[in-house]
Amino acid sequence: MNGQAESHNRDEYWMRQALAQAELAAAAGEVPIGAVLVKQEQFIAAGWNRPIAGHDPTAHAEIQALRAAGRALQNYRLPDTTLYVTLEPCLMCAGAMIHARVARLVFGAHDSKRGVVDSRWEVFSAPWLNHRVEVTGGVLEGECAALLKGFFRDRRD
């Protein structure tokens, strides 16, 4: 197996773990977005959306995972890590990744309304930033998008 195919398989494996986190969010009545942070192919932390239950507008899946990873690694910097998230991050979450020095972001579905990594803006390309995050988008995009669409369809019904 070549390196590119192996990397793709790893990305799909970890995105499936993030999808499992998104399912937990859906079961709790939250928008189904999940995130998993890994370092050297080892699980470090996970999170799912919790703003409703926590009465906390910052409790996005990415923030939950970054907070848990900081505690697990005893460091607010998370170098050499990869964050897998089922939906393209918003500006707040992208900013947190920059501050945490996350090395790589892998996301599932694009967010045409609020996504700032690829859809509405390419925030990680801003020339004034002192840290760059490598981005891979669209991993298991269909599954990630279907989970979100199903959740919102059910809420409308």
N, C-alpha and C. Protein backbone atom coordinates (compact mmCIF):
# COMPACT_ATOMS: atom_id res chain seq x y z
N MET A 1 0.86 -1.18 0.00
CA MET A 1 0.00 0.00 0.00
C MET A 1 0.90 1.24 0.00
N ASN A 2 0.58 2.20 -0.85
CA ASN A 2 1.41 3.39 -0.89
C ASN A 2 1.08 4.32 0.26
N GLY A 3 1.96 5.27 0.50
CA GLY A 3 1.81 6.18 1.63
C GLY A 3 0.54 7.01 1.58
N GLN A 4 0.15 7.45 0.38
CA GLN A 4 -1.05 8.28 0.25
C GLN A 4 -2.31 7.49 0.60
N ALA A 5 -2.40 6.26 0.15
CA ALA A 5 -3.55 5.41 0.46
C ALA A 5 -3.59 5.09 1.95
N GLU A 6 -2.45 4.84 2.53
CA GLU A 6 -2.37 4.55 3.97
C GLU A 6 -2.81 5.76 4.78
N SER A 7 -2.39 6.95 4.38
CA SER A 7 -2.80 8.17 5.06
C SER A 7 -4.31 8.38 4.94
N HIS A 8 -4.86 8.11 3.76
CA HIS A 8 -6.30 8.24 3.55
C HIS A 8 -7.06 7.27 4.46
N ASN A 9 -6.59 6.04 4.57
CA ASN A 9 -7.24 5.05 5.44
C ASN A 9 -7.19 5.48 6.90
N ARG A 10 -6.05 6.04 7.33
CA ARG A 10 -5.95 6.54 8.71
C ARG A 10 -6.93 7.68 8.94
N ASP A 11 -7.00 8.59 7.97
CA ASP A 11 -7.93 9.71 8.09
C ASP A 11 -9.37 9.23 8.20
N GLU A 12 -9.73 8.24 7.39
CA GLU A 12 -11.09 7.70 7.47
C GLU A 12 -11.34 7.01 8.81
N TYR A 13 -10.35 6.29 9.32
CA TYR A 13 -10.50 5.64 10.63
C TYR A 13 -10.81 6.67 11.72
N TRP A 14 -10.00 7.72 11.79
CA TRP A 14 -10.18 8.72 12.83
C TRP A 14 -11.45 9.55 12.61
N MET A 15 -11.82 9.77 11.34
CA MET A 15 -13.06 10.50 11.09
C MET A 15 -14.25 9.67 11.56
N ARG A 16 -14.17 8.37 11.44
CA ARG A 16 -15.25 7.52 11.96
C ARG A 16 -15.36 7.66 13.49
N GLN A 17 -14.23 7.85 14.15
CA GLN A 17 -14.26 8.08 15.59
C GLN A 17 -14.93 9.42 15.90
N ALA A 18 -14.65 10.42 15.07
CA ALA A 18 -15.30 11.73 15.23
C ALA A 18 -16.80 11.62 14.97
N LEU A 19 -17.18 10.82 13.97
CA LEU A 19 -18.61 10.59 13.71
C LEU A 19 -19.29 9.94 14.91
N ALA A 20 -18.62 9.05 15.60
CA ALA A 20 -19.18 8.44 16.80
C ALA A 20 -19.43 9.51 17.87
N GLN A 21 -18.54 10.48 17.97
CA GLN A 21 -18.74 11.59 18.90
C GLN A 21 -19.94 12.43 18.47
N ALA A 22 -20.08 12.64 17.17
CA ALA A 22 -21.22 13.40 16.65
C ALA A 22 -22.54 12.70 16.99
N GLU A 23 -22.54 11.39 16.94
CA GLU A 23 -23.73 10.62 17.31
C GLU A 23 -24.10 10.85 18.78
N LEU A 24 -23.09 10.97 19.63
CA LEU A 24 -23.35 11.28 21.05
C LEU A 24 -24.01 12.65 21.18
N ALA A 25 -23.55 13.61 20.40
CA ALA A 25 -24.16 14.94 20.42
C ALA A 25 -25.62 14.85 19.99
N ALA A 26 -25.88 14.13 18.90
CA ALA A 26 -27.26 14.00 18.41
C ALA A 26 -28.15 13.36 19.47
N ALA A 27 -27.65 12.32 20.14
CA ALA A 27 -28.42 11.64 21.18
C ALA A 27 -28.75 12.58 22.34
N ALA A 28 -27.89 13.57 22.55
CA ALA A 28 -28.11 14.55 23.62
C ALA A 28 -28.94 15.75 23.16
N GLY A 29 -29.38 15.73 21.89
CA GLY A 29 -30.17 16.84 21.37
C GLY A 29 -29.35 18.01 20.88
N GLU A 30 -28.04 17.81 20.76
CA GLU A 30 -27.15 18.87 20.28
C GLU A 30 -26.91 18.68 18.78
N VAL A 31 -26.49 19.74 18.11
CA VAL A 31 -26.13 19.62 16.71
C VAL A 31 -25.02 18.58 16.60
N PRO A 32 -25.18 17.56 15.74
CA PRO A 32 -24.25 16.43 15.71
C PRO A 32 -22.92 16.72 15.03
N ILE A 33 -22.03 17.30 15.81
CA ILE A 33 -20.66 17.54 15.35
C ILE A 33 -19.75 16.90 16.38
N GLY A 34 -18.77 16.15 15.89
CA GLY A 34 -17.83 15.48 16.77
C GLY A 34 -16.40 15.76 16.36
N ALA A 35 -15.49 15.62 17.31
CA ALA A 35 -14.08 15.87 17.07
C ALA A 35 -13.23 14.89 17.86
N VAL A 36 -12.09 14.54 17.28
CA VAL A 36 -11.11 13.66 17.92
C VAL A 36 -9.73 14.24 17.65
N LEU A 37 -8.90 14.30 18.68
CA LEU A 37 -7.53 14.78 18.53
C LEU A 37 -6.56 13.64 18.76
N VAL A 38 -5.62 13.48 17.83
CA VAL A 38 -4.63 12.41 17.92
C VAL A 38 -3.22 12.98 17.81
N LYS A 39 -2.30 12.24 18.37
CA LYS A 39 -0.88 12.59 18.27
C LYS A 39 -0.12 11.31 17.99
N GLN A 40 0.64 11.30 16.91
CA GLN A 40 1.40 10.12 16.50
C GLN A 40 0.50 8.89 16.44
N GLU A 41 -0.69 9.08 15.85
CA GLU A 41 -1.67 8.02 15.67
C GLU A 41 -2.19 7.43 16.98
N GLN A 42 -2.04 8.18 18.06
CA GLN A 42 -2.58 7.77 19.35
C GLN A 42 -3.70 8.72 19.75
N PHE A 43 -4.81 8.15 20.20
CA PHE A 43 -5.93 8.95 20.67
C PHE A 43 -5.51 9.78 21.88
N ILE A 44 -5.83 11.07 21.85
CA ILE A 44 -5.55 11.95 22.99
C ILE A 44 -6.85 12.40 23.65
N ALA A 45 -7.80 12.88 22.83
CA ALA A 45 -9.03 13.43 23.40
C ALA A 45 -10.13 13.47 22.35
N ALA A 46 -11.36 13.64 22.83
CA ALA A 46 -12.51 13.75 21.94
C ALA A 46 -13.49 14.75 22.51
N GLY A 47 -14.41 15.18 21.67
CA GLY A 47 -15.45 16.09 22.13
C GLY A 47 -16.61 16.11 21.16
N TRP A 48 -17.75 16.52 21.65
CA TRP A 48 -18.90 16.71 20.79
C TRP A 48 -19.57 18.00 21.21
N ASN A 49 -20.41 18.50 20.33
CA ASN A 49 -21.09 19.77 20.58
C ASN A 49 -21.88 19.70 21.88
N ARG A 50 -21.73 20.74 22.73
CA ARG A 50 -22.48 20.80 23.99
C ARG A 50 -22.93 22.21 24.36
N PRO A 51 -23.11 23.12 23.41
CA PRO A 51 -23.49 24.47 23.81
C PRO A 51 -24.86 24.56 24.47
N ILE A 52 -25.82 23.75 24.04
CA ILE A 52 -27.17 23.84 24.60
C ILE A 52 -27.17 23.37 26.05
N ALA A 53 -26.69 22.17 26.28
CA ALA A 53 -26.70 21.60 27.64
C ALA A 53 -25.83 22.40 28.59
N GLY A 54 -24.71 22.91 28.10
CA GLY A 54 -23.80 23.64 28.96
C GLY A 54 -24.07 25.13 29.05
N HIS A 55 -25.08 25.60 28.32
CA HIS A 55 -25.36 27.04 28.27
C HIS A 55 -24.08 27.80 27.97
N ASP A 56 -23.34 27.28 26.98
CA ASP A 56 -22.00 27.80 26.68
C ASP A 56 -21.81 27.91 25.17
N PRO A 57 -21.83 29.12 24.63
CA PRO A 57 -21.67 29.28 23.18
C PRO A 57 -20.32 28.83 22.66
N THR A 58 -19.35 28.63 23.53
CA THR A 58 -18.02 28.19 23.08
C THR A 58 -17.85 26.67 23.14
N ALA A 59 -18.87 25.94 23.53
CA ALA A 59 -18.75 24.50 23.73
C ALA A 59 -18.92 23.70 22.43
N HIS A 60 -18.23 24.14 21.40
CA HIS A 60 -18.22 23.40 20.14
C HIS A 60 -17.38 22.13 20.30
N ALA A 61 -17.59 21.17 19.42
CA ALA A 61 -16.88 19.90 19.49
C ALA A 61 -15.37 20.10 19.50
N GLU A 62 -14.88 20.98 18.63
CA GLU A 62 -13.43 21.22 18.55
C GLU A 62 -12.89 21.77 19.86
N ILE A 63 -13.60 22.70 20.44
CA ILE A 63 -13.16 23.32 21.70
C ILE A 63 -13.16 22.27 22.81
N GLN A 64 -14.20 21.43 22.84
CA GLN A 64 -14.25 20.37 23.85
C GLN A 64 -13.04 19.45 23.72
N ALA A 65 -12.71 19.07 22.49
CA ALA A 65 -11.57 18.18 22.28
C ALA A 65 -10.25 18.87 22.63
N LEU A 66 -10.09 20.13 22.26
CA LEU A 66 -8.86 20.86 22.57
C LEU A 66 -8.69 21.02 24.09
N ARG A 67 -9.77 21.34 24.78
CA ARG A 67 -9.69 21.47 26.25
C ARG A 67 -9.28 20.15 26.90
N ALA A 68 -9.92 19.06 26.47
CA ALA A 68 -9.60 17.74 27.03
C ALA A 68 -8.17 17.34 26.71
N ALA A 69 -7.71 17.66 25.51
CA ALA A 69 -6.32 17.34 25.13
C ALA A 69 -5.33 18.14 25.95
N GLY A 70 -5.62 19.40 26.18
CA GLY A 70 -4.74 20.22 27.02
C GLY A 70 -4.59 19.64 28.41
N ARG A 71 -5.70 19.18 28.97
CA ARG A 71 -5.65 18.55 30.29
C ARG A 71 -4.87 17.24 30.23
N ALA A 72 -5.13 16.44 29.20
CA ALA A 72 -4.46 15.13 29.09
C ALA A 72 -2.95 15.28 28.91
N LEU A 73 -2.54 16.25 28.13
CA LEU A 73 -1.11 16.45 27.85
C LEU A 73 -0.46 17.45 28.79
N GLN A 74 -1.27 18.05 29.67
CA GLN A 74 -0.78 19.05 30.62
C GLN A 74 -0.05 20.18 29.90
N ASN A 75 -0.68 20.67 28.82
CA ASN A 75 -0.08 21.74 28.04
C ASN A 75 -1.17 22.42 27.22
N TYR A 76 -1.14 23.74 27.16
CA TYR A 76 -2.10 24.45 26.33
C TYR A 76 -1.66 24.46 24.87
N ARG A 77 -0.45 24.07 24.59
CA ARG A 77 0.04 23.91 23.23
C ARG A 77 -0.08 22.44 22.85
N LEU A 78 -0.53 22.18 21.64
CA LEU A 78 -0.75 20.82 21.19
C LEU A 78 -0.01 20.58 19.87
N PRO A 79 1.32 20.76 19.87
CA PRO A 79 2.07 20.58 18.63
C PRO A 79 2.06 19.13 18.17
N ASP A 80 2.25 18.96 16.88
CA ASP A 80 2.32 17.62 16.28
C ASP A 80 1.04 16.81 16.47
N THR A 81 -0.09 17.49 16.57
CA THR A 81 -1.37 16.80 16.70
C THR A 81 -2.22 17.01 15.44
N THR A 82 -3.17 16.13 15.29
CA THR A 82 -4.16 16.24 14.21
C THR A 82 -5.54 16.25 14.84
N LEU A 83 -6.36 17.22 14.43
CA LEU A 83 -7.73 17.31 14.90
C LEU A 83 -8.65 16.87 13.77
N TYR A 84 -9.47 15.87 14.05
CA TYR A 84 -10.48 15.38 13.11
C TYR A 84 -11.82 15.91 13.56
N VAL A 85 -12.57 16.55 12.67
CA VAL A 85 -13.87 17.10 13.02
C VAL A 85 -14.83 16.88 11.86
N THR A 86 -16.08 16.59 12.19
CA THR A 86 -17.05 16.19 11.17
C THR A 86 -17.56 17.35 10.32
N LEU A 87 -17.38 18.58 10.75
CA LEU A 87 -17.83 19.75 10.00
C LEU A 87 -16.71 20.77 9.95
N GLU A 88 -16.57 21.42 8.82
CA GLU A 88 -15.57 22.48 8.67
C GLU A 88 -15.71 23.50 9.80
N PRO A 89 -14.62 23.84 10.47
CA PRO A 89 -14.69 24.71 11.64
C PRO A 89 -15.11 26.15 11.35
N CYS A 90 -15.66 26.75 12.40
CA CYS A 90 -16.01 28.17 12.41
C CYS A 90 -14.76 28.98 12.78
N LEU A 91 -14.91 30.29 12.78
CA LEU A 91 -13.79 31.18 13.08
C LEU A 91 -13.24 30.98 14.49
N MET A 92 -14.14 30.82 15.46
CA MET A 92 -13.70 30.63 16.85
C MET A 92 -12.84 29.37 16.96
N CYS A 93 -13.31 28.29 16.39
CA CYS A 93 -12.60 27.01 16.50
C CYS A 93 -11.28 27.04 15.73
N ALA A 94 -11.28 27.66 14.57
CA ALA A 94 -10.04 27.79 13.80
C ALA A 94 -9.02 28.61 14.60
N GLY A 95 -9.47 29.68 15.23
CA GLY A 95 -8.57 30.48 16.07
C GLY A 95 -8.00 29.68 17.22
N ALA A 96 -8.82 28.86 17.83
CA ALA A 96 -8.33 28.02 18.94
C ALA A 96 -7.27 27.05 18.45
N MET A 97 -7.45 26.50 17.26
CA MET A 97 -6.45 25.57 16.70
C MET A 97 -5.12 26.28 16.47
N ILE A 98 -5.20 27.51 16.00
CA ILE A 98 -3.97 28.29 15.78
C ILE A 98 -3.26 28.53 17.12
N HIS A 99 -4.01 28.97 18.11
CA HIS A 99 -3.41 29.24 19.43
C HIS A 99 -2.83 27.97 20.06
N ALA A 100 -3.49 26.84 19.82
CA ALA A 100 -3.02 25.57 20.39
C ALA A 100 -1.87 24.97 19.59
N ARG A 101 -1.60 25.51 18.41
CA ARG A 101 -0.52 25.02 17.53
C ARG A 101 -0.81 23.60 17.01
N VAL A 102 -2.10 23.33 16.74
CA VAL A 102 -2.46 22.07 16.10
C VAL A 102 -1.76 22.02 14.74
N ALA A 103 -1.16 20.89 14.42
CA ALA A 103 -0.40 20.79 13.17
C ALA A 103 -1.30 20.56 11.96
N ARG A 104 -2.35 19.78 12.17
CA ARG A 104 -3.16 19.37 11.01
C ARG A 104 -4.63 19.30 11.40
N LEU A 105 -5.49 19.71 10.48
CA LEU A 105 -6.93 19.60 10.62
C LEU A 105 -7.44 18.72 9.50
N VAL A 106 -8.29 17.77 9.85
CA VAL A 106 -9.00 16.95 8.86
C VAL A 106 -10.48 17.13 9.16
N PHE A 107 -11.24 17.62 8.18
CA PHE A 107 -12.67 17.79 8.42
C PHE A 107 -13.47 17.02 7.39
N GLY A 108 -14.74 16.77 7.75
CA GLY A 108 -15.63 16.00 6.90
C GLY A 108 -16.41 16.89 5.95
N ALA A 109 -17.57 17.35 6.39
CA ALA A 109 -18.45 18.15 5.55
C ALA A 109 -18.00 19.61 5.50
N HIS A 110 -18.19 20.21 4.34
CA HIS A 110 -17.96 21.65 4.20
C HIS A 110 -19.14 22.40 4.82
N ASP A 111 -18.88 23.59 5.33
CA ASP A 111 -19.93 24.43 5.91
C ASP A 111 -19.99 25.71 5.09
N SER A 112 -20.93 25.76 4.15
CA SER A 112 -21.01 26.89 3.23
C SER A 112 -21.45 28.19 3.90
N LYS A 113 -21.98 28.12 5.12
CA LYS A 113 -22.44 29.32 5.82
C LYS A 113 -21.39 29.88 6.77
N ARG A 114 -20.73 29.00 7.54
CA ARG A 114 -19.83 29.47 8.59
C ARG A 114 -18.41 28.91 8.51
N GLY A 115 -18.15 28.06 7.56
CA GLY A 115 -16.83 27.43 7.47
C GLY A 115 -15.77 28.43 7.03
N VAL A 116 -14.70 28.52 7.80
CA VAL A 116 -13.66 29.53 7.50
C VAL A 116 -12.33 28.90 7.11
N VAL A 117 -12.33 27.61 6.87
CA VAL A 117 -11.09 26.93 6.50
C VAL A 117 -10.99 26.80 4.99
N ASP A 118 -12.15 26.62 4.34
CA ASP A 118 -12.16 26.38 2.91
C ASP A 118 -13.35 27.05 2.22
N SER A 119 -14.50 27.12 2.87
CA SER A 119 -15.74 27.55 2.22
C SER A 119 -15.92 29.06 2.15
N ARG A 120 -15.98 29.73 3.27
CA ARG A 120 -16.22 31.18 3.30
C ARG A 120 -14.93 31.98 3.29
N TRP A 121 -13.87 31.35 3.81
CA TRP A 121 -12.60 32.05 3.96
C TRP A 121 -11.54 30.98 4.14
N GLU A 122 -10.31 31.31 3.94
CA GLU A 122 -9.20 30.38 4.19
C GLU A 122 -8.33 30.99 5.28
N VAL A 123 -8.86 30.97 6.50
CA VAL A 123 -8.24 31.67 7.62
C VAL A 123 -6.80 31.21 7.88
N PHE A 124 -6.52 29.95 7.67
CA PHE A 124 -5.17 29.46 7.96
C PHE A 124 -4.13 30.00 6.98
N SER A 125 -4.58 30.64 5.91
CA SER A 125 -3.66 31.23 4.93
C SER A 125 -3.38 32.71 5.21
N ALA A 126 -3.99 33.26 6.24
CA ALA A 126 -3.79 34.69 6.54
C ALA A 126 -2.31 34.96 6.77
N PRO A 127 -1.74 35.93 6.07
CA PRO A 127 -0.30 36.15 6.13
C PRO A 127 0.22 36.64 7.49
N TRP A 128 -0.63 37.20 8.31
CA TRP A 128 -0.17 37.73 9.60
C TRP A 128 -0.09 36.68 10.70
N LEU A 129 -0.57 35.48 10.44
CA LEU A 129 -0.54 34.44 11.46
C LEU A 129 0.86 33.87 11.63
N ASN A 130 1.17 33.50 12.86
CA ASN A 130 2.49 32.94 13.16
C ASN A 130 2.49 31.42 13.19
N HIS A 131 1.35 30.81 12.84
CA HIS A 131 1.27 29.34 12.82
C HIS A 131 0.38 28.93 11.66
N ARG A 132 0.76 27.92 10.96
CA ARG A 132 -0.02 27.38 9.85
C ARG A 132 -0.53 25.99 10.23
N VAL A 133 -1.77 25.74 9.88
CA VAL A 133 -2.39 24.45 10.09
C VAL A 133 -2.58 23.81 8.72
N GLU A 134 -2.06 22.62 8.55
CA GLU A 134 -2.27 21.87 7.31
C GLU A 134 -3.72 21.38 7.31
N VAL A 135 -4.38 21.42 6.16
CA VAL A 135 -5.81 21.08 6.09
C VAL A 135 -6.08 20.01 5.04
N THR A 136 -6.89 19.04 5.42
CA THR A 136 -7.45 18.06 4.49
C THR A 136 -8.95 18.08 4.72
N GLY A 137 -9.71 18.41 3.69
CA GLY A 137 -11.15 18.49 3.83
C GLY A 137 -11.86 17.42 3.02
N GLY A 138 -13.11 17.17 3.37
CA GLY A 138 -13.95 16.26 2.61
C GLY A 138 -13.80 14.79 2.94
N VAL A 139 -13.16 14.46 4.05
CA VAL A 139 -13.00 13.05 4.42
C VAL A 139 -14.34 12.54 4.97
N LEU A 140 -14.86 11.51 4.34
CA LEU A 140 -16.19 10.96 4.66
C LEU A 140 -17.25 12.05 4.63
N GLU A 141 -17.10 12.96 3.69
CA GLU A 141 -17.99 14.12 3.61
C GLU A 141 -19.46 13.73 3.51
N GLY A 142 -19.76 12.72 2.70
CA GLY A 142 -21.15 12.31 2.54
C GLY A 142 -21.78 11.85 3.85
N GLU A 143 -21.05 11.04 4.61
CA GLU A 143 -21.57 10.55 5.89
C GLU A 143 -21.72 11.68 6.91
N CYS A 144 -20.74 12.56 6.94
CA CYS A 144 -20.79 13.69 7.88
C CYS A 144 -21.95 14.62 7.55
N ALA A 145 -22.13 14.92 6.26
CA ALA A 145 -23.22 15.80 5.84
C ALA A 145 -24.57 15.15 6.07
N ALA A 146 -24.69 13.85 5.81
CA ALA A 146 -25.96 13.14 5.99
C ALA A 146 -26.40 13.17 7.44
N LEU A 147 -25.47 13.02 8.36
CA LEU A 147 -25.82 13.06 9.79
C LEU A 147 -26.41 14.42 10.15
N LEU A 148 -25.78 15.48 9.69
CA LEU A 148 -26.28 16.83 9.96
C LEU A 148 -27.63 17.08 9.30
N LYS A 149 -27.75 16.71 8.03
CA LYS A 149 -29.01 16.93 7.30
C LYS A 149 -30.15 16.16 7.96
N GLY A 150 -29.88 14.93 8.36
CA GLY A 150 -30.91 14.12 9.03
C GLY A 150 -31.34 14.74 10.35
N PHE A 151 -30.39 15.24 11.09
CA PHE A 151 -30.69 15.87 12.38
C PHE A 151 -31.62 17.07 12.19
N PHE A 152 -31.29 17.94 11.25
CA PHE A 152 -32.09 19.14 11.04
C PHE A 152 -33.45 18.81 10.39
N ARG A 153 -33.48 17.79 9.55
CA ARG A 153 -34.74 17.36 8.95
C ARG A 153 -35.67 16.86 10.07
N ASP A 154 -35.14 16.06 10.98
CA ASP A 154 -35.93 15.54 12.09
C ASP A 154 -36.44 16.66 12.99
N ARG A 155 -35.64 17.68 13.18
CA ARG A 155 -36.06 18.80 14.03
C ARG A 155 -37.17 19.60 13.40
N ARG A 156 -37.13 19.71 12.06
CA ARG A 156 -38.18 20.45 11.35
C ARG A 156 -39.50 19.70 11.36
N ASP A 157 -39.43 18.37 11.36
CA ASP A 157 -40.65 17.54 11.30
C ASP A 157 -41.44 17.52 12.58
